[in-house]
N, C-alpha and C. Protein backbone atom coordinates (compact mmCIF):
# COMPACT_ATOMS: atom_id res chain seq x y z
N MET A 1 0.84 -1.20 0.00
CA MET A 1 0.00 0.00 0.00
C MET A 1 0.88 1.26 0.00
N LEU A 2 1.87 1.25 0.88
CA LEU A 2 2.77 2.41 0.95
C LEU A 2 3.57 2.55 -0.33
N PHE A 3 4.01 1.40 -0.88
CA PHE A 3 4.77 1.44 -2.13
C PHE A 3 3.92 2.00 -3.26
N HIS A 4 2.66 1.60 -3.30
CA HIS A 4 1.76 2.10 -4.34
C HIS A 4 1.56 3.61 -4.18
N PHE A 5 1.45 4.08 -2.94
CA PHE A 5 1.24 5.51 -2.69
C PHE A 5 2.46 6.31 -3.11
N THR A 6 3.66 5.85 -2.72
CA THR A 6 4.88 6.58 -3.08
C THR A 6 5.09 6.56 -4.59
N ARG A 7 4.70 5.47 -5.23
CA ARG A 7 4.83 5.39 -6.68
C ARG A 7 3.90 6.38 -7.37
N THR A 8 2.70 6.55 -6.80
CA THR A 8 1.75 7.51 -7.36
C THR A 8 2.28 8.93 -7.20
N VAL A 9 2.82 9.25 -6.03
CA VAL A 9 3.39 10.58 -5.79
C VAL A 9 4.56 10.82 -6.74
N PHE A 10 5.39 9.79 -6.93
CA PHE A 10 6.53 9.89 -7.84
C PHE A 10 6.05 10.17 -9.27
N THR A 11 4.97 9.51 -9.67
CA THR A 11 4.41 9.72 -11.01
C THR A 11 3.92 11.16 -11.16
N ILE A 12 3.26 11.68 -10.12
CA ILE A 12 2.76 13.06 -10.17
C ILE A 12 3.94 14.04 -10.25
N GLU A 13 5.01 13.77 -9.50
CA GLU A 13 6.17 14.66 -9.53
C GLU A 13 6.82 14.66 -10.91
N ILE A 14 6.93 13.49 -11.52
CA ILE A 14 7.51 13.43 -12.88
C ILE A 14 6.63 14.19 -13.86
N THR A 15 5.32 14.04 -13.71
CA THR A 15 4.40 14.74 -14.61
C THR A 15 4.54 16.25 -14.44
N MET A 16 4.65 16.71 -13.19
CA MET A 16 4.81 18.14 -12.94
C MET A 16 6.14 18.64 -13.50
N LEU A 17 7.18 17.82 -13.39
CA LEU A 17 8.49 18.20 -13.94
C LEU A 17 8.40 18.38 -15.44
N PHE A 18 7.75 17.43 -16.13
CA PHE A 18 7.59 17.55 -17.57
C PHE A 18 6.72 18.75 -17.92
N LEU A 19 5.71 19.02 -17.09
CA LEU A 19 4.83 20.15 -17.35
C LEU A 19 5.58 21.46 -17.23
N ILE A 20 6.45 21.57 -16.23
CA ILE A 20 7.27 22.78 -16.06
C ILE A 20 8.23 22.95 -17.23
N ILE A 21 8.87 21.84 -17.66
CA ILE A 21 9.77 21.90 -18.82
C ILE A 21 8.98 22.32 -20.05
N ASP A 22 7.76 21.79 -20.17
CA ASP A 22 6.92 22.11 -21.33
C ASP A 22 6.56 23.59 -21.36
N ILE A 23 6.29 24.16 -20.20
CA ILE A 23 5.95 25.59 -20.13
C ILE A 23 7.15 26.44 -20.55
N TYR A 24 8.35 26.05 -20.10
CA TYR A 24 9.54 26.83 -20.44
C TYR A 24 9.90 26.73 -21.92
N LEU A 25 9.74 25.55 -22.50
CA LEU A 25 10.16 25.36 -23.89
C LEU A 25 9.05 25.66 -24.89
N SER A 26 7.82 25.77 -24.39
CA SER A 26 6.66 26.00 -25.26
C SER A 26 6.59 24.98 -26.40
N ASP A 27 6.83 23.74 -26.04
CA ASP A 27 6.78 22.67 -27.03
C ASP A 27 5.99 21.51 -26.42
N ASN A 28 5.18 20.85 -27.25
CA ASN A 28 4.33 19.78 -26.74
C ASN A 28 5.02 18.42 -26.68
N LEU A 29 6.29 18.37 -27.11
CA LEU A 29 7.00 17.11 -27.13
C LEU A 29 7.13 16.52 -25.72
N PHE A 30 7.53 17.35 -24.75
CA PHE A 30 7.72 16.85 -23.40
C PHE A 30 6.40 16.47 -22.75
N TRP A 31 5.34 17.19 -23.11
CA TRP A 31 4.02 16.85 -22.57
C TRP A 31 3.58 15.50 -23.09
N LYS A 32 3.86 15.22 -24.38
CA LYS A 32 3.52 13.92 -24.94
C LYS A 32 4.35 12.82 -24.29
N LEU A 33 5.62 13.10 -24.02
CA LEU A 33 6.47 12.11 -23.35
C LEU A 33 5.95 11.81 -21.95
N SER A 34 5.49 12.85 -21.24
CA SER A 34 4.97 12.63 -19.89
C SER A 34 3.68 11.82 -19.94
N LEU A 35 2.86 12.06 -20.96
CA LEU A 35 1.64 11.26 -21.12
C LEU A 35 1.98 9.81 -21.42
N ILE A 36 3.03 9.58 -22.20
CA ILE A 36 3.45 8.21 -22.51
C ILE A 36 3.93 7.52 -21.23
N ILE A 37 4.72 8.24 -20.42
CA ILE A 37 5.21 7.68 -19.16
C ILE A 37 4.03 7.38 -18.23
N GLN A 38 3.06 8.31 -18.18
CA GLN A 38 1.87 8.08 -17.36
C GLN A 38 1.11 6.86 -17.85
N SER A 39 0.98 6.72 -19.15
CA SER A 39 0.21 5.60 -19.69
C SER A 39 0.87 4.27 -19.37
N LEU A 40 2.20 4.25 -19.42
CA LEU A 40 2.92 3.01 -19.12
C LEU A 40 2.67 2.57 -17.68
N ILE A 41 2.59 3.55 -16.76
CA ILE A 41 2.40 3.22 -15.34
C ILE A 41 0.92 3.01 -15.03
N MET A 42 0.07 3.91 -15.54
CA MET A 42 -1.33 3.91 -15.15
C MET A 42 -2.14 2.77 -15.77
N VAL A 43 -1.88 2.47 -17.03
CA VAL A 43 -2.68 1.45 -17.71
C VAL A 43 -2.51 0.10 -17.04
N LYS A 44 -1.33 -0.16 -16.50
CA LYS A 44 -1.11 -1.41 -15.78
C LYS A 44 -1.95 -1.45 -14.51
N LYS A 45 -2.07 -0.30 -13.83
CA LYS A 45 -2.76 -0.26 -12.55
C LYS A 45 -4.26 0.00 -12.73
N LYS A 46 -4.59 1.24 -13.14
CA LYS A 46 -6.00 1.63 -13.22
C LYS A 46 -6.24 2.40 -14.52
N PRO A 47 -6.73 1.74 -15.55
CA PRO A 47 -6.92 2.40 -16.84
C PRO A 47 -7.93 3.55 -16.79
N THR A 48 -8.96 3.44 -15.95
CA THR A 48 -10.00 4.47 -15.92
C THR A 48 -9.45 5.78 -15.39
N ILE A 49 -8.56 5.71 -14.40
CA ILE A 49 -7.96 6.94 -13.84
C ILE A 49 -7.11 7.62 -14.91
N PHE A 50 -6.37 6.82 -15.69
CA PHE A 50 -5.53 7.39 -16.74
C PHE A 50 -6.39 8.07 -17.80
N LEU A 51 -7.49 7.43 -18.19
CA LEU A 51 -8.37 8.01 -19.19
C LEU A 51 -8.98 9.31 -18.67
N GLY A 52 -9.31 9.34 -17.38
CA GLY A 52 -9.84 10.56 -16.78
C GLY A 52 -8.82 11.68 -16.79
N LYS A 53 -7.57 11.36 -16.47
CA LYS A 53 -6.51 12.37 -16.51
C LYS A 53 -6.28 12.86 -17.93
N LEU A 54 -6.37 11.95 -18.89
CA LEU A 54 -6.16 12.33 -20.28
C LEU A 54 -7.24 13.31 -20.73
N LYS A 55 -8.48 13.08 -20.31
CA LYS A 55 -9.57 13.98 -20.68
C LYS A 55 -9.39 15.35 -20.03
N THR A 56 -9.01 15.37 -18.75
CA THR A 56 -8.84 16.66 -18.07
C THR A 56 -7.65 17.42 -18.64
N SER A 57 -6.59 16.71 -19.02
CA SER A 57 -5.43 17.39 -19.58
C SER A 57 -5.76 18.00 -20.94
N GLN A 58 -6.64 17.37 -21.69
CA GLN A 58 -7.04 17.94 -22.97
C GLN A 58 -7.88 19.20 -22.77
N HIS A 59 -8.63 19.26 -21.67
CA HIS A 59 -9.40 20.47 -21.38
C HIS A 59 -8.49 21.63 -20.97
N LEU A 60 -7.36 21.30 -20.33
CA LEU A 60 -6.46 22.35 -19.86
C LEU A 60 -5.75 23.04 -21.01
N PHE A 61 -5.44 22.29 -22.09
CA PHE A 61 -4.62 22.86 -23.16
C PHE A 61 -5.42 23.07 -24.43
């Protein structure tokens, strides 16, 4: 349980890191890479949460 929680926090931190890099470079390449990394981790665990995040991220940009 604790490992799953820390892994989720780690995933969020990586996503935020890519998001910050994306803002500085004004390029969608890093955002796509972060989505790929998220999909690799999330689809194995909970596909519905990943699809929900994908929909919300499309609304943001």
